[in-house]
Amino acid sequence: MSFSTIQAMVVQGLEQGMEGELLAVCVQAGLASLGATIRDAEGQPLEDPAAQLEALQTVAVDLQTTGLPLLRHLGVLA
């Protein structure tokens, strides 16, 4: 299982109790400060901030439903 910077930032936010739009905005700001690009499923850069937030919220939902339970099962997260 590979883990991206975006996923790591989302996990950190989730562990701090963030969710929804607040989580997406914080991750978006963090990525911008790193100069990172948010990409769509086809790997194309997302320029529209609203599309970026939607993509980040999708990552968060996917992690909450699939990624985090797996990471906890593997002992990576408590």
PDB file of N, CA and C in Angstrom:
ATOM      1  N   MET A   1       0.850  -1.185   0.000  1.00  0.00           N
ATOM      2  CA  MET A   1       0.000   0.000   0.000  1.00  0.00           C
ATOM      3  C   MET A   1       0.887   1.236   0.000  1.00  0.00           C
ATOM      4  N   SER A   2       0.729   2.076  -1.009  1.00  0.00           N
ATOM      5  CA  SER A   2       1.479   3.326  -1.042  1.00  0.00           C
ATOM      6  C   SER A   2       0.663   4.400  -0.322  1.00  0.00           C
ATOM      7  N   PHE A   3       1.360   5.411   0.154  1.00  0.00           N
ATOM      8  CA  PHE A   3       0.726   6.448   0.946  1.00  0.00           C
ATOM      9  C   PHE A   3       1.245   7.786   0.468  1.00  0.00           C
ATOM     10  N   SER A   4       0.359   8.650   0.015  1.00  0.00           N
ATOM     11  CA  SER A   4       0.760   9.947  -0.530  1.00  0.00           C
ATOM     12  C   SER A   4       0.837  11.003   0.572  1.00  0.00           C
ATOM     13  N   THR A   5       1.447  12.122   0.224  1.00  0.00           N
ATOM     14  CA  THR A   5       1.503  13.259   1.140  1.00  0.00           C
ATOM     15  C   THR A   5       0.096  13.719   1.486  1.00  0.00           C
ATOM     16  N   ILE A   6      -0.780  13.744   0.492  1.00  0.00           N
ATOM     17  CA  ILE A   6      -2.164  14.156   0.738  1.00  0.00           C
ATOM     18  C   ILE A   6      -2.820  13.228   1.754  1.00  0.00           C
ATOM     19  N   GLN A   7      -2.648  11.923   1.580  1.00  0.00           N
ATOM     20  CA  GLN A   7      -3.247  10.970   2.514  1.00  0.00           C
ATOM     21  C   GLN A   7      -2.669  11.152   3.914  1.00  0.00           C
ATOM     22  N   ALA A   8      -1.369  11.371   4.005  1.00  0.00           N
ATOM     23  CA  ALA A   8      -0.742  11.573   5.316  1.00  0.00           C
ATOM     24  C   ALA A   8      -1.301  12.815   6.001  1.00  0.00           C
ATOM     25  N   MET A   9      -1.497  13.874   5.230  1.00  0.00           N
ATOM     26  CA  MET A   9      -2.051  15.100   5.808  1.00  0.00           C
ATOM     27  C   MET A   9      -3.504  14.898   6.227  1.00  0.00           C
ATOM     28  N   VAL A  10      -4.256  14.169   5.444  1.00  0.00           N
ATOM     29  CA  VAL A  10      -5.650  13.889   5.789  1.00  0.00           C
ATOM     30  C   VAL A  10      -5.716  13.053   7.069  1.00  0.00           C
ATOM     31  N   VAL A  11      -4.894  12.036   7.171  1.00  0.00           N
ATOM     32  CA  VAL A  11      -4.874  11.205   8.382  1.00  0.00           C
ATOM     33  C   VAL A  11      -4.532  12.054   9.600  1.00  0.00           C
ATOM     34  N   GLN A  12      -3.544  12.928   9.460  1.00  0.00           N
ATOM     35  CA  GLN A  12      -3.166  13.787  10.581  1.00  0.00           C
ATOM     36  C   GLN A  12      -4.350  14.661  11.008  1.00  0.00           C
ATOM     37  N   GLY A  13      -5.051  15.221  10.037  1.00  0.00           N
ATOM     38  CA  GLY A  13      -6.225  16.037  10.353  1.00  0.00           C
ATOM     39  C   GLY A  13      -7.328  15.231  11.004  1.00  0.00           C
ATOM     40  N   LEU A  14      -7.580  14.040  10.482  1.00  0.00           N
ATOM     41  CA  LEU A  14      -8.605  13.173  11.071  1.00  0.00           C
ATOM     42  C   LEU A  14      -8.264  12.824  12.511  1.00  0.00           C
ATOM     43  N   GLU A  15      -6.995  12.543  12.770  1.00  0.00           N
ATOM     44  CA  GLU A  15      -6.579  12.202  14.130  1.00  0.00           C
ATOM     45  C   GLU A  15      -6.704  13.392  15.076  1.00  0.00           C
ATOM     46  N   GLN A  16      -6.731  14.605  14.516  1.00  0.00           N
ATOM     47  CA  GLN A  16      -6.909  15.811  15.335  1.00  0.00           C
ATOM     48  C   GLN A  16      -8.378  16.199  15.463  1.00  0.00           C
ATOM     49  N   GLY A  17      -9.268  15.355  14.915  1.00  0.00           N
ATOM     50  CA  GLY A  17     -10.697  15.583  15.058  1.00  0.00           C
ATOM     51  C   GLY A  17     -11.324  16.426  13.961  1.00  0.00           C
ATOM     52  N   MET A  18     -10.562  16.738  12.923  1.00  0.00           N
ATOM     53  CA  MET A  18     -11.126  17.512  11.813  1.00  0.00           C
ATOM     54  C   MET A  18     -11.885  16.588  10.881  1.00  0.00           C
ATOM     55  N   GLU A  19     -12.837  17.176  10.169  1.00  0.00           N
ATOM     56  CA  GLU A  19     -13.554  16.419   9.144  1.00  0.00           C
ATOM     57  C   GLU A  19     -14.215  17.387   8.183  1.00  0.00           C
ATOM     58  N   GLY A  20     -14.769  16.855   7.120  1.00  0.00           N
ATOM     59  CA  GLY A  20     -15.514  17.651   6.160  1.00  0.00           C
ATOM     60  C   GLY A  20     -14.711  18.768   5.519  1.00  0.00           C
ATOM     61  N   GLU A  21     -15.395  19.902   5.350  1.00  0.00           N
ATOM     62  CA  GLU A  21     -14.779  21.029   4.655  1.00  0.00           C
ATOM     63  C   GLU A  21     -13.597  21.610   5.420  1.00  0.00           C
ATOM     64  N   LEU A  22     -13.673  21.643   6.753  1.00  0.00           N
ATOM     65  CA  LEU A  22     -12.551  22.155   7.540  1.00  0.00           C
ATOM     66  C   LEU A  22     -11.287  21.353   7.267  1.00  0.00           C
ATOM     67  N   LEU A  23     -11.410  20.051   7.271  1.00  0.00           N
ATOM     68  CA  LEU A  23     -10.275  19.184   6.989  1.00  0.00           C
ATOM     69  C   LEU A  23      -9.731  19.455   5.586  1.00  0.00           C
ATOM     70  N   ALA A  24     -10.615  19.532   4.604  1.00  0.00           N
ATOM     71  CA  ALA A  24     -10.193  19.749   3.221  1.00  0.00           C
ATOM     72  C   ALA A  24      -9.482  21.093   3.065  1.00  0.00           C
ATOM     73  N   VAL A  25     -10.008  22.141   3.695  1.00  0.00           N
ATOM     74  CA  VAL A  25      -9.395  23.475   3.599  1.00  0.00           C
ATOM     75  C   VAL A  25      -8.013  23.475   4.239  1.00  0.00           C
ATOM     76  N   CYS A  26      -7.864  22.821   5.385  1.00  0.00           N
ATOM     77  CA  CYS A  26      -6.560  22.770   6.062  1.00  0.00           C
ATOM     78  C   CYS A  26      -5.541  21.999   5.231  1.00  0.00           C
ATOM     79  N   VAL A  27      -5.951  20.879   4.661  1.00  0.00           N
ATOM     80  CA  VAL A  27      -5.044  20.100   3.815  1.00  0.00           C
ATOM     81  C   VAL A  27      -4.693  20.895   2.563  1.00  0.00           C
ATOM     82  N   GLN A  28      -5.684  21.552   1.976  1.00  0.00           N
ATOM     83  CA  GLN A  28      -5.446  22.374   0.784  1.00  0.00           C
ATOM     84  C   GLN A  28      -4.407  23.461   1.091  1.00  0.00           C
ATOM     85  N   ALA A  29      -4.539  24.128   2.219  1.00  0.00           N
ATOM     86  CA  ALA A  29      -3.590  25.175   2.597  1.00  0.00           C
ATOM     87  C   ALA A  29      -2.198  24.595   2.844  1.00  0.00           C
ATOM     88  N   GLY A  30      -2.142  23.453   3.507  1.00  0.00           N
ATOM     89  CA  GLY A  30      -0.855  22.809   3.753  1.00  0.00           C
ATOM     90  C   GLY A  30      -0.161  22.405   2.468  1.00  0.00           C
ATOM     91  N   LEU A  31      -0.919  21.864   1.535  1.00  0.00           N
ATOM     92  CA  LEU A  31      -0.343  21.468   0.248  1.00  0.00           C
ATOM     93  C   LEU A  31       0.134  22.680  -0.534  1.00  0.00           C
ATOM     94  N   ALA A  32      -0.632  23.769  -0.483  1.00  0.00           N
ATOM     95  CA  ALA A  32      -0.235  24.993  -1.177  1.00  0.00           C
ATOM     96  C   ALA A  32       1.073  25.524  -0.609  1.00  0.00           C
ATOM     97  N   SER A  33       1.234  25.443   0.714  1.00  0.00           N
ATOM     98  CA  SER A  33       2.476  25.935   1.326  1.00  0.00           C
ATOM     99  C   SER A  33       3.675  25.084   0.933  1.00  0.00           C
ATOM    100  N   LEU A  34       3.422  23.833   0.576  1.00  0.00           N
ATOM    101  CA  LEU A  34       4.494  22.946   0.117  1.00  0.00           C
ATOM    102  C   LEU A  34       4.737  23.063  -1.388  1.00  0.00           C
ATOM    103  N   GLY A  35       3.853  23.775  -2.071  1.00  0.00           N
ATOM    104  CA  GLY A  35       3.943  23.873  -3.524  1.00  0.00           C
ATOM    105  C   GLY A  35       3.466  22.614  -4.230  1.00  0.00           C
ATOM    106  N   ALA A  36       2.689  21.798  -3.521  1.00  0.00           N
ATOM    107  CA  ALA A  36       2.201  20.539  -4.081  1.00  0.00           C
ATOM    108  C   ALA A  36       0.984  20.783  -4.964  1.00  0.00           C
ATOM    109  N   THR A  37       0.771  19.890  -5.901  1.00  0.00           N
ATOM    110  CA  THR A  37      -0.348  19.972  -6.828  1.00  0.00           C
ATOM    111  C   THR A  37      -1.368  18.903  -6.491  1.00  0.00           C
ATOM    112  N   ILE A  38      -2.613  19.300  -6.439  1.00  0.00           N
ATOM    113  CA  ILE A  38      -3.706  18.351  -6.236  1.00  0.00           C
ATOM    114  C   ILE A  38      -4.157  17.907  -7.616  1.00  0.00           C
ATOM    115  N   ARG A  39      -4.229  16.598  -7.806  1.00  0.00           N
ATOM    116  CA  ARG A  39      -4.563  16.059  -9.127  1.00  0.00           C
ATOM    117  C   ARG A  39      -5.856  15.257  -9.073  1.00  0.00           C
ATOM    118  N   ASP A  40      -6.501  15.152 -10.237  1.00  0.00           N
ATOM    119  CA  ASP A  40      -7.715  14.360 -10.331  1.00  0.00           C
ATOM    120  C   ASP A  40      -7.352  12.885 -10.516  1.00  0.00           C
ATOM    121  N   ALA A  41      -8.357  12.045 -10.676  1.00  0.00           N
ATOM    122  CA  ALA A  41      -8.139  10.601 -10.791  1.00  0.00           C
ATOM    123  C   ALA A  41      -7.292  10.229 -12.006  1.00  0.00           C
ATOM    124  N   GLU A  42      -7.299  11.073 -13.031  1.00  0.00           N
ATOM    125  CA  GLU A  42      -6.511  10.802 -14.240  1.00  0.00           C
ATOM    126  C   GLU A  42      -5.110  11.401 -14.154  1.00  0.00           C
ATOM    127  N   GLY A  43      -4.797  12.060 -13.044  1.00  0.00           N
ATOM    128  CA  GLY A  43      -3.475  12.635 -12.854  1.00  0.00           C
ATOM    129  C   GLY A  43      -3.323  14.058 -13.358  1.00  0.00           C
ATOM    130  N   GLN A  44      -4.434  14.670 -13.779  1.00  0.00           N
ATOM    131  CA  GLN A  44      -4.388  16.043 -14.274  1.00  0.00           C
ATOM    132  C   GLN A  44      -4.491  17.019 -13.098  1.00  0.00           C
ATOM    133  N   PRO A  45      -3.706  18.093 -13.115  1.00  0.00           N
ATOM    134  CA  PRO A  45      -3.770  19.076 -12.027  1.00  0.00           C
ATOM    135  C   PRO A  45      -5.155  19.717 -11.932  1.00  0.00           C
ATOM    136  N   LEU A  46      -5.625  19.869 -10.712  1.00  0.00           N
ATOM    137  CA  LEU A  46      -6.887  20.562 -10.469  1.00  0.00           C
ATOM    138  C   LEU A  46      -6.575  22.011 -10.123  1.00  0.00           C
ATOM    139  N   GLU A  47      -6.986  22.927 -10.968  1.00  0.00           N
ATOM    140  CA  GLU A  47      -6.717  24.350 -10.751  1.00  0.00           C
ATOM    141  C   GLU A  47      -7.825  25.016  -9.940  1.00  0.00           C
ATOM    142  N   ASP A  48      -9.058  24.549 -10.107  1.00  0.00           N
ATOM    143  CA  ASP A  48     -10.206  25.148  -9.441  1.00  0.00           C
ATOM    144  C   ASP A  48     -10.212  24.788  -7.952  1.00  0.00           C
ATOM    145  N   PRO A  49     -10.186  25.787  -7.071  1.00  0.00           N
ATOM    146  CA  PRO A  49     -10.175  25.503  -5.630  1.00  0.00           C
ATOM    147  C   PRO A  49     -11.344  24.645  -5.161  1.00  0.00           C
ATOM    148  N   ALA A  50     -12.530  24.842  -5.736  1.00  0.00           N
ATOM    149  CA  ALA A  50     -13.692  24.039  -5.337  1.00  0.00           C
ATOM    150  C   ALA A  50     -13.492  22.578  -5.732  1.00  0.00           C
ATOM    151  N   ALA A  51     -12.921  22.345  -6.900  1.00  0.00           N
ATOM    152  CA  ALA A  51     -12.643  20.971  -7.343  1.00  0.00           C
ATOM    153  C   ALA A  51     -11.569  20.339  -6.455  1.00  0.00           C
ATOM    154  N   GLN A  52     -10.602  21.142  -6.030  1.00  0.00           N
ATOM    155  CA  GLN A  52      -9.577  20.634  -5.117  1.00  0.00           C
ATOM    156  C   GLN A  52     -10.199  20.197  -3.798  1.00  0.00           C
ATOM    157  N   LEU A  53     -11.081  21.033  -3.260  1.00  0.00           N
ATOM    158  CA  LEU A  53     -11.736  20.689  -1.987  1.00  0.00           C
ATOM    159  C   LEU A  53     -12.569  19.424  -2.121  1.00  0.00           C
ATOM    160  N   GLU A  54     -13.267  19.292  -3.234  1.00  0.00           N
ATOM    161  CA  GLU A  54     -14.074  18.093  -3.464  1.00  0.00           C
ATOM    162  C   GLU A  54     -13.193  16.855  -3.527  1.00  0.00           C
ATOM    163  N   ALA A  55     -12.060  16.956  -4.219  1.00  0.00           N
ATOM    164  CA  ALA A  55     -11.133  15.821  -4.320  1.00  0.00           C
ATOM    165  C   ALA A  55     -10.563  15.462  -2.950  1.00  0.00           C
ATOM    166  N   LEU A  56     -10.232  16.469  -2.154  1.00  0.00           N
ATOM    167  CA  LEU A  56      -9.679  16.203  -0.819  1.00  0.00           C
ATOM    168  C   LEU A  56     -10.728  15.576   0.090  1.00  0.00           C
ATOM    169  N   GLN A  57     -11.972  15.993  -0.025  1.00  0.00           N
ATOM    170  CA  GLN A  57     -13.027  15.384   0.786  1.00  0.00           C
ATOM    171  C   GLN A  57     -13.242  13.926   0.375  1.00  0.00           C
ATOM    172  N   THR A  58     -13.090  13.630  -0.902  1.00  0.00           N
ATOM    173  CA  THR A  58     -13.200  12.246  -1.367  1.00  0.00           C
ATOM    174  C   THR A  58     -12.075  11.403  -0.777  1.00  0.00           C
ATOM    175  N   VAL A  59     -10.866  11.944  -0.754  1.00  0.00           N
ATOM    176  CA  VAL A  59      -9.734  11.231  -0.150  1.00  0.00           C
ATOM    177  C   VAL A  59     -10.030  10.952   1.321  1.00  0.00           C
ATOM    178  N   ALA A  60     -10.570  11.938   2.019  1.00  0.00           N
ATOM    179  CA  ALA A  60     -10.867  11.764   3.444  1.00  0.00           C
ATOM    180  C   ALA A  60     -11.906  10.675   3.675  1.00  0.00           C
ATOM    181  N   VAL A  61     -12.955  10.670   2.876  1.00  0.00           N
ATOM    182  CA  VAL A  61     -14.002   9.648   3.027  1.00  0.00           C
ATOM    183  C   VAL A  61     -13.430   8.264   2.748  1.00  0.00           C
ATOM    184  N   ASP A  62     -12.639   8.157   1.681  1.00  0.00           N
ATOM    185  CA  ASP A  62     -12.017   6.868   1.349  1.00  0.00           C
ATOM    186  C   ASP A  62     -11.119   6.380   2.481  1.00  0.00           C
ATOM    187  N   LEU A  63     -10.352   7.289   3.059  1.00  0.00           N
ATOM    188  CA  LEU A  63      -9.471   6.896   4.161  1.00  0.00           C
ATOM    189  C   LEU A  63     -10.273   6.468   5.387  1.00  0.00           C
ATOM    190  N   GLN A  64     -11.333   7.197   5.680  1.00  0.00           N
ATOM    191  CA  GLN A  64     -12.136   6.851   6.850  1.00  0.00           C
ATOM    192  C   GLN A  64     -12.803   5.496   6.703  1.00  0.00           C
ATOM    193  N   THR A  65     -13.236   5.166   5.504  1.00  0.00           N
ATOM    194  CA  THR A  65     -13.969   3.916   5.323  1.00  0.00           C
ATOM    195  C   THR A  65     -13.074   2.714   5.053  1.00  0.00           C
ATOM    196  N   THR A  66     -11.943   2.935   4.420  1.00  0.00           N
ATOM    197  CA  THR A  66     -11.093   1.813   4.024  1.00  0.00           C
ATOM    198  C   THR A  66      -9.679   1.904   4.590  1.00  0.00           C
ATOM    199  N   GLY A  67      -9.024   3.021   4.353  1.00  0.00           N
ATOM    200  CA  GLY A  67      -7.608   3.162   4.697  1.00  0.00           C
ATOM    201  C   GLY A  67      -7.307   3.087   6.176  1.00  0.00           C
ATOM    202  N   LEU A  68      -8.038   3.853   6.978  1.00  0.00           N
ATOM    203  CA  LEU A  68      -7.753   3.868   8.417  1.00  0.00           C
ATOM    204  C   LEU A  68      -8.004   2.524   9.082  1.00  0.00           C
ATOM    205  N   PRO A  69      -9.120   1.855   8.784  1.00  0.00           N
ATOM    206  CA  PRO A  69      -9.297   0.535   9.391  1.00  0.00           C
ATOM    207  C   PRO A  69      -8.160  -0.428   9.033  1.00  0.00           C
ATOM    208  N   LEU A  70      -7.696  -0.374   7.793  1.00  0.00           N
ATOM    209  CA  LEU A  70      -6.590  -1.235   7.390  1.00  0.00           C
ATOM    210  C   LEU A  70      -5.310  -0.868   8.134  1.00  0.00           C
ATOM    211  N   LEU A  71      -5.016   0.425   8.219  1.00  0.00           N
ATOM    212  CA  LEU A  71      -3.804   0.863   8.922  1.00  0.00           C
ATOM    213  C   LEU A  71      -3.855   0.486  10.401  1.00  0.00           C
ATOM    214  N   ARG A  72      -5.026   0.569  10.995  1.00  0.00           N
ATOM    215  CA  ARG A  72      -5.166   0.169  12.401  1.00  0.00           C
ATOM    216  C   ARG A  72      -4.995  -1.338  12.550  1.00  0.00           C
ATOM    217  N   HIS A  73      -5.566  -2.089  11.627  1.00  0.00           N
ATOM    218  CA  HIS A  73      -5.430  -3.553  11.648  1.00  0.00           C
ATOM    219  C   HIS A  73      -3.967  -3.964  11.525  1.00  0.00           C
ATOM    220  N   LEU A  74      -3.222  -3.251  10.694  1.00  0.00           N
ATOM    221  CA  LEU A  74      -1.802  -3.555  10.490  1.00  0.00           C
ATOM    222  C   LEU A  74      -0.919  -3.041  11.631  1.00  0.00           C
ATOM    223  N   GLY A  75      -1.513  -2.251  12.534  1.00  0.00           N
ATOM    224  CA  GLY A  75      -0.747  -1.722  13.665  1.00  0.00           C
ATOM    225  C   GLY A  75       0.023  -0.457  13.348  1.00  0.00           C
ATOM    226  N   VAL A  76      -0.233   0.145  12.196  1.00  0.00           N
ATOM    227  CA  VAL A  76       0.456   1.383  11.813  1.00  0.00           C
ATOM    228  C   VAL A  76      -0.093   2.545  12.612  1.00  0.00           C
ATOM    229  N   LEU A  77      -1.411   2.527  12.854  1.00  0.00           N
ATOM    230  CA  LEU A  77      -2.068   3.545  13.662  1.00  0.00           C
ATOM    231  C   LEU A  77      -2.730   2.886  14.860  1.00  0.00           C
ATOM    232  N   ALA A  78      -2.813   3.647  15.937  1.00  0.00           N
ATOM    233  CA  ALA A  78      -3.463   3.119  17.146  1.00  0.00           C
ATOM    234  C   ALA A  78      -4.957   3.249  17.049  1.00  0.00           C
TER     235      ALA A  78
END
